[in-house]
Amino acid sequence: MIESQLLQSGINNIAGVDEAGRGALAGPVTVAACIMPYGFQHELIRDSKLLNEGQRAEARKLVLDNCLAYSIQHVDVETIENTNILKATLEGMRRALEATKKDRD
């Protein structure tokens, strides 16, 4: 796995990236990138679809209170329509990672 290779090379700030809204028939797509401290674990930090509303709110607070950096980006409907959902999502991921990098500089 690439994470193991990065960790072995001394890189331990690895960003995770995910999107929401890609499966919707209409509307924007939202992408987030986040760097958590190496080894951070909590039972609520998992697939948000498996959590109830209160657990999601608690998980959000845990992430924001403990993360090293994060970024949330929205890709508008016009961009999605002018490219396609995959390209728009990848562009959102690129922007989220770039913004996260700037937050760490």
Foldseek 3Di string as FASTA:
>chain_A
DVQVVCVVVPDQFDKDKDKPDLPDPDWKIKMKIFTFGHPDDDPLPDPCVVDDPVSVVVVVCVRVVGTPFMFMDIQTRVVCVVPNSVVSVVVNRVVGVVVRVVSND
